[in-house]
């Protein structure tokens, strides 16, 4: 099957040509619309990764690491808002796990 892509703005139409040959050598051709392809917007990956080493006493310690990455559109306001959300989430989880380890 031959595939043809027609581009019209951000949406492309995909069509295929199908050729069927019967047992007597006769051919039948038809065009089949396969669908539309929509271009994905350009995305950024915003994330925060934090780690902390906690002293448990008696020469024992544990390292905690929390990270979160989320995709978002490339727009400064959206990136800033997502960064604030991710930073708050990571800090909250870090404090939660640290408190559990220290028994607070």
N, C-alpha and C. Protein backbone atom coordinates (compact mmCIF):
# COMPACT_ATOMS: atom_id res chain seq x y z
N UNK A 1 0.85 -1.17 0.00
CA UNK A 1 0.00 0.00 0.00
C UNK A 1 0.90 1.23 0.00
N UNK A 2 0.66 2.11 -0.93
CA UNK A 2 1.38 3.39 -0.98
C UNK A 2 0.65 4.38 -0.08
N UNK A 3 1.40 5.17 0.66
CA UNK A 3 0.80 6.14 1.59
C UNK A 3 1.17 7.54 1.14
N UNK A 4 0.18 8.41 1.15
CA UNK A 4 0.38 9.81 0.76
C UNK A 4 -0.08 10.69 1.90
N UNK A 5 0.73 11.68 2.25
CA UNK A 5 0.38 12.61 3.32
C UNK A 5 0.20 14.00 2.72
N UNK A 6 -0.99 14.57 2.90
CA UNK A 6 -1.28 15.92 2.44
C UNK A 6 -1.26 16.85 3.64
N UNK A 7 -0.41 17.86 3.58
CA UNK A 7 -0.28 18.77 4.71
C UNK A 7 -1.05 20.05 4.44
N UNK A 8 -1.95 20.36 5.35
CA UNK A 8 -2.75 21.58 5.27
C UNK A 8 -2.72 22.23 6.65
N UNK A 9 -1.77 23.12 6.89
CA UNK A 9 -1.64 23.76 8.20
C UNK A 9 -1.12 22.76 9.21
N UNK A 10 -1.61 22.83 10.46
CA UNK A 10 -1.10 21.92 11.49
C UNK A 10 -1.68 20.51 11.40
N UNK A 11 -2.67 20.30 10.51
CA UNK A 11 -3.29 18.98 10.40
C UNK A 11 -2.94 18.37 9.06
N UNK A 12 -2.49 17.13 9.07
CA UNK A 12 -2.16 16.40 7.86
C UNK A 12 -3.16 15.28 7.67
N UNK A 13 -3.56 15.05 6.42
CA UNK A 13 -4.45 13.93 6.09
C UNK A 13 -3.60 12.82 5.50
N UNK A 14 -3.82 11.61 6.00
CA UNK A 14 -3.08 10.45 5.52
C UNK A 14 -4.02 9.59 4.71
N UNK A 15 -3.62 9.27 3.46
CA UNK A 15 -4.43 8.42 2.59
C UNK A 15 -3.53 7.34 2.02
N UNK A 16 -4.11 6.19 1.75
CA UNK A 16 -3.34 5.09 1.18
C UNK A 16 -4.01 4.57 -0.08
N UNK A 17 -3.22 4.12 -1.04
CA UNK A 17 -3.74 3.49 -2.25
C UNK A 17 -3.61 1.98 -2.10
N UNK A 18 -4.71 1.29 -2.31
CA UNK A 18 -4.73 -0.16 -2.18
C UNK A 18 -4.95 -0.76 -3.56
N UNK A 19 -4.08 -1.70 -3.92
CA UNK A 19 -4.23 -2.41 -5.19
C UNK A 19 -4.48 -3.88 -4.87
N UNK A 20 -5.60 -4.40 -5.38
CA UNK A 20 -5.97 -5.80 -5.17
C UNK A 20 -5.89 -6.51 -6.52
N UNK A 21 -5.16 -7.62 -6.55
CA UNK A 21 -5.05 -8.41 -7.77
C UNK A 21 -5.79 -9.73 -7.55
N UNK A 22 -6.75 -10.04 -8.45
CA UNK A 22 -7.48 -11.30 -8.29
C UNK A 22 -6.69 -12.44 -8.96
N UNK A 23 -7.20 -13.64 -8.87
CA UNK A 23 -6.48 -14.81 -9.38
C UNK A 23 -6.35 -14.81 -10.90
N UNK A 24 -7.13 -14.00 -11.61
CA UNK A 24 -7.05 -13.92 -13.08
C UNK A 24 -6.14 -12.78 -13.55
N UNK A 25 -5.49 -12.10 -12.62
CA UNK A 25 -4.57 -11.02 -12.98
C UNK A 25 -5.21 -9.66 -13.07
N UNK A 26 -6.49 -9.58 -12.80
CA UNK A 26 -7.17 -8.28 -12.83
C UNK A 26 -6.85 -7.49 -11.57
N UNK A 27 -6.64 -6.19 -11.76
CA UNK A 27 -6.31 -5.34 -10.62
C UNK A 27 -7.43 -4.35 -10.34
N UNK A 28 -7.65 -4.10 -9.06
CA UNK A 28 -8.60 -3.10 -8.62
C UNK A 28 -7.87 -2.13 -7.71
N UNK A 29 -7.94 -0.86 -8.02
CA UNK A 29 -7.26 0.15 -7.21
C UNK A 29 -8.30 0.99 -6.51
N UNK A 30 -8.01 1.34 -5.28
CA UNK A 30 -8.89 2.23 -4.53
C UNK A 30 -8.05 3.05 -3.56
N UNK A 31 -8.58 4.21 -3.23
CA UNK A 31 -7.89 5.06 -2.27
C UNK A 31 -8.65 4.99 -0.95
N UNK A 32 -7.91 4.82 0.13
CA UNK A 32 -8.49 4.69 1.46
C UNK A 32 -7.95 5.81 2.32
N UNK A 33 -8.85 6.57 2.97
CA UNK A 33 -8.41 7.59 3.92
C UNK A 33 -8.10 6.89 5.23
N UNK A 34 -6.88 7.07 5.72
CA UNK A 34 -6.45 6.41 6.95
C UNK A 34 -6.68 7.28 8.19
N UNK A 35 -6.80 8.56 8.03
CA UNK A 35 -7.05 9.42 9.18
C UNK A 35 -6.30 10.72 9.08
N UNK A 36 -6.28 11.43 10.18
CA UNK A 36 -5.61 12.72 10.25
C UNK A 36 -4.51 12.66 11.29
N UNK A 37 -3.44 13.37 11.02
CA UNK A 37 -2.32 13.46 11.95
C UNK A 37 -2.25 14.91 12.42
N UNK A 38 -2.30 15.11 13.72
CA UNK A 38 -2.24 16.44 14.30
C UNK A 38 -0.87 16.61 14.93
N UNK A 39 -0.19 17.68 14.60
CA UNK A 39 1.13 17.92 15.17
C UNK A 39 1.02 18.21 16.66
N UNK A 40 1.91 17.60 17.42
CA UNK A 40 1.94 17.82 18.87
C UNK A 40 2.63 19.15 19.15
N UNK A 41 2.16 19.86 20.17
CA UNK A 41 2.83 21.12 20.51
C UNK A 41 4.22 20.85 21.08
N UNK A 42 5.09 21.83 21.00
CA UNK A 42 6.43 21.70 21.58
C UNK A 42 6.27 21.70 23.09
N UNK A 43 6.88 20.72 23.73
CA UNK A 43 6.73 20.57 25.18
C UNK A 43 8.09 20.71 25.87
N UNK A 44 8.04 21.16 27.10
CA UNK A 44 9.22 21.23 27.97
C UNK A 44 9.03 20.19 29.07
N UNK A 45 10.10 19.83 29.71
CA UNK A 45 10.04 18.91 30.84
C UNK A 45 10.54 19.66 32.06
N UNK A 46 9.64 19.96 33.00
CA UNK A 46 9.98 20.73 34.19
C UNK A 46 10.07 19.77 35.37
N UNK A 47 11.14 19.88 36.13
CA UNK A 47 11.27 18.97 37.25
C UNK A 47 12.22 19.45 38.31
N UNK A 48 12.12 18.77 39.46
CA UNK A 48 12.98 19.06 40.60
C UNK A 48 13.41 17.74 41.20
N UNK A 49 14.67 17.68 41.60
CA UNK A 49 15.21 16.48 42.25
C UNK A 49 15.95 16.94 43.49
N UNK A 50 15.55 16.42 44.64
CA UNK A 50 16.20 16.79 45.90
C UNK A 50 16.67 15.53 46.61
N UNK A 51 17.78 15.67 47.33
CA UNK A 51 18.23 14.56 48.17
C UNK A 51 18.73 15.13 49.49
N UNK A 52 18.66 14.30 50.50
CA UNK A 52 19.07 14.72 51.84
C UNK A 52 19.59 13.48 52.57
N UNK A 53 20.67 13.65 53.32
CA UNK A 53 21.19 12.56 54.14
C UNK A 53 20.80 12.87 55.58
N UNK A 54 20.15 11.90 56.23
CA UNK A 54 19.66 12.09 57.59
C UNK A 54 20.47 11.19 58.53
N UNK A 55 21.04 11.78 59.59
CA UNK A 55 21.78 11.03 60.60
C UNK A 55 20.79 10.35 61.54
N UNK A 56 20.86 9.02 61.62
CA UNK A 56 19.97 8.26 62.49
C UNK A 56 20.58 7.98 63.85
N UNK A 57 21.82 8.39 64.05
CA UNK A 57 22.52 8.13 65.30
C UNK A 57 23.27 6.80 65.22
N UNK A 58 24.14 6.56 66.19
CA UNK A 58 24.94 5.33 66.25
C UNK A 58 25.68 5.08 64.93
N UNK A 59 26.19 6.14 64.34
CA UNK A 59 26.95 6.06 63.08
C UNK A 59 26.14 5.49 61.91
N UNK A 60 24.83 5.66 61.94
CA UNK A 60 23.96 5.22 60.84
C UNK A 60 23.32 6.44 60.20
N UNK A 61 23.16 6.36 58.90
CA UNK A 61 22.48 7.44 58.19
C UNK A 61 21.72 6.84 57.01
N UNK A 62 20.79 7.62 56.48
CA UNK A 62 20.01 7.19 55.33
C UNK A 62 19.91 8.37 54.37
N UNK A 63 19.98 8.05 53.08
CA UNK A 63 19.86 9.10 52.06
C UNK A 63 18.46 9.03 51.46
N UNK A 64 17.78 10.16 51.45
CA UNK A 64 16.43 10.27 50.88
C UNK A 64 16.55 11.03 49.57
N UNK A 65 15.86 10.56 48.56
CA UNK A 65 15.83 11.26 47.28
C UNK A 65 14.40 11.30 46.78
N UNK A 66 13.93 12.49 46.44
CA UNK A 66 12.58 12.68 45.91
C UNK A 66 12.69 13.49 44.63
N UNK A 67 11.98 13.05 43.58
CA UNK A 67 12.00 13.82 42.34
C UNK A 67 10.64 13.74 41.67
N UNK A 68 10.35 14.75 40.90
CA UNK A 68 9.13 14.80 40.11
C UNK A 68 9.40 15.62 38.86
N UNK A 69 9.05 15.07 37.71
CA UNK A 69 9.19 15.76 36.42
C UNK A 69 7.85 15.70 35.70
N UNK A 70 7.42 16.81 35.15
CA UNK A 70 6.16 16.83 34.42
C UNK A 70 6.34 17.58 33.09
N UNK A 71 5.65 17.11 32.05
CA UNK A 71 5.71 17.84 30.77
C UNK A 71 4.77 19.04 30.81
N UNK A 72 5.14 20.09 30.10
CA UNK A 72 4.27 21.25 30.00
C UNK A 72 4.60 22.01 28.72
N UNK A 73 3.65 22.79 28.22
CA UNK A 73 3.90 23.58 27.01
C UNK A 73 5.02 24.59 27.24
N UNK A 74 5.72 24.92 26.17
CA UNK A 74 6.80 25.90 26.27
C UNK A 74 6.19 27.30 26.29
N UNK A 75 5.92 27.74 27.49
CA UNK A 75 5.35 29.07 27.75
C UNK A 75 5.88 29.47 29.12
N UNK A 76 6.54 30.61 29.20
CA UNK A 76 7.22 30.99 30.43
C UNK A 76 6.31 30.98 31.66
N UNK A 77 5.10 31.50 31.52
CA UNK A 77 4.17 31.55 32.66
C UNK A 77 3.77 30.14 33.09
N UNK A 78 3.52 29.26 32.13
CA UNK A 78 3.13 27.88 32.45
C UNK A 78 4.30 27.13 33.07
N UNK A 79 5.50 27.34 32.54
CA UNK A 79 6.69 26.69 33.10
C UNK A 79 6.91 27.15 34.53
N UNK A 80 6.79 28.45 34.79
CA UNK A 80 6.97 28.97 36.15
C UNK A 80 5.93 28.39 37.11
N UNK A 81 4.68 28.32 36.67
CA UNK A 81 3.62 27.76 37.53
C UNK A 81 3.87 26.28 37.81
N UNK A 82 4.28 25.54 36.79
CA UNK A 82 4.56 24.12 36.99
C UNK A 82 5.78 23.91 37.89
N UNK A 83 6.79 24.77 37.73
CA UNK A 83 7.97 24.66 38.59
C UNK A 83 7.58 24.89 40.05
N UNK A 84 6.76 25.91 40.31
CA UNK A 84 6.32 26.18 41.68
C UNK A 84 5.56 24.98 42.25
N UNK A 85 4.68 24.37 41.43
CA UNK A 85 3.94 23.20 41.87
C UNK A 85 4.87 22.04 42.18
N UNK A 86 5.80 21.75 41.26
CA UNK A 86 6.73 20.63 41.43
C UNK A 86 7.61 20.85 42.65
N UNK A 87 8.13 22.04 42.82
CA UNK A 87 9.00 22.35 43.97
C UNK A 87 8.24 22.16 45.28
N UNK A 88 7.00 22.64 45.34
CA UNK A 88 6.19 22.46 46.54
C UNK A 88 5.91 21.00 46.83
N UNK A 89 5.61 20.22 45.80
CA UNK A 89 5.32 18.80 45.98
C UNK A 89 6.56 18.05 46.48
N UNK A 90 7.71 18.30 45.86
CA UNK A 90 8.95 17.62 46.25
C UNK A 90 9.34 18.00 47.68
N UNK A 91 9.26 19.29 48.01
CA UNK A 91 9.60 19.72 49.37
C UNK A 91 8.66 19.09 50.40
N UNK A 92 7.37 19.03 50.08
CA UNK A 92 6.41 18.41 50.99
C UNK A 92 6.71 16.94 51.23
N UNK A 93 7.00 16.20 50.16
CA UNK A 93 7.33 14.77 50.30
C UNK A 93 8.63 14.59 51.07
N UNK A 94 9.61 15.45 50.81
CA UNK A 94 10.89 15.36 51.51
C UNK A 94 10.70 15.55 53.00
N UNK A 95 9.92 16.55 53.39
CA UNK A 95 9.64 16.79 54.81
C UNK A 95 8.86 15.63 55.43
N UNK A 96 7.91 15.08 54.68
CA UNK A 96 7.11 13.96 55.16
C UNK A 96 8.00 12.74 55.46
N UNK A 97 8.86 12.38 54.53
CA UNK A 97 9.72 11.21 54.70
C UNK A 97 10.75 11.46 55.80
N UNK A 98 11.29 12.67 55.85
CA UNK A 98 12.28 13.00 56.90
C UNK A 98 11.64 12.89 58.27
N UNK A 99 10.41 13.39 58.43
CA UNK A 99 9.71 13.31 59.70
C UNK A 99 9.46 11.87 60.11
N UNK A 100 9.10 11.02 59.17
CA UNK A 100 8.87 9.60 59.48
C UNK A 100 10.14 8.94 59.95
N UNK A 101 11.26 9.25 59.33
CA UNK A 101 12.54 8.64 59.72
C UNK A 101 13.01 9.10 61.09
N UNK A 102 12.78 10.37 61.40
CA UNK A 102 13.21 10.92 62.68
C UNK A 102 12.22 10.60 63.80
N UNK A 103 11.04 10.08 63.42
CA UNK A 103 10.03 9.75 64.42
C UNK A 103 9.37 10.95 65.04
N UNK A 104 9.28 12.03 64.26
CA UNK A 104 8.67 13.27 64.77
C UNK A 104 7.18 13.21 64.62
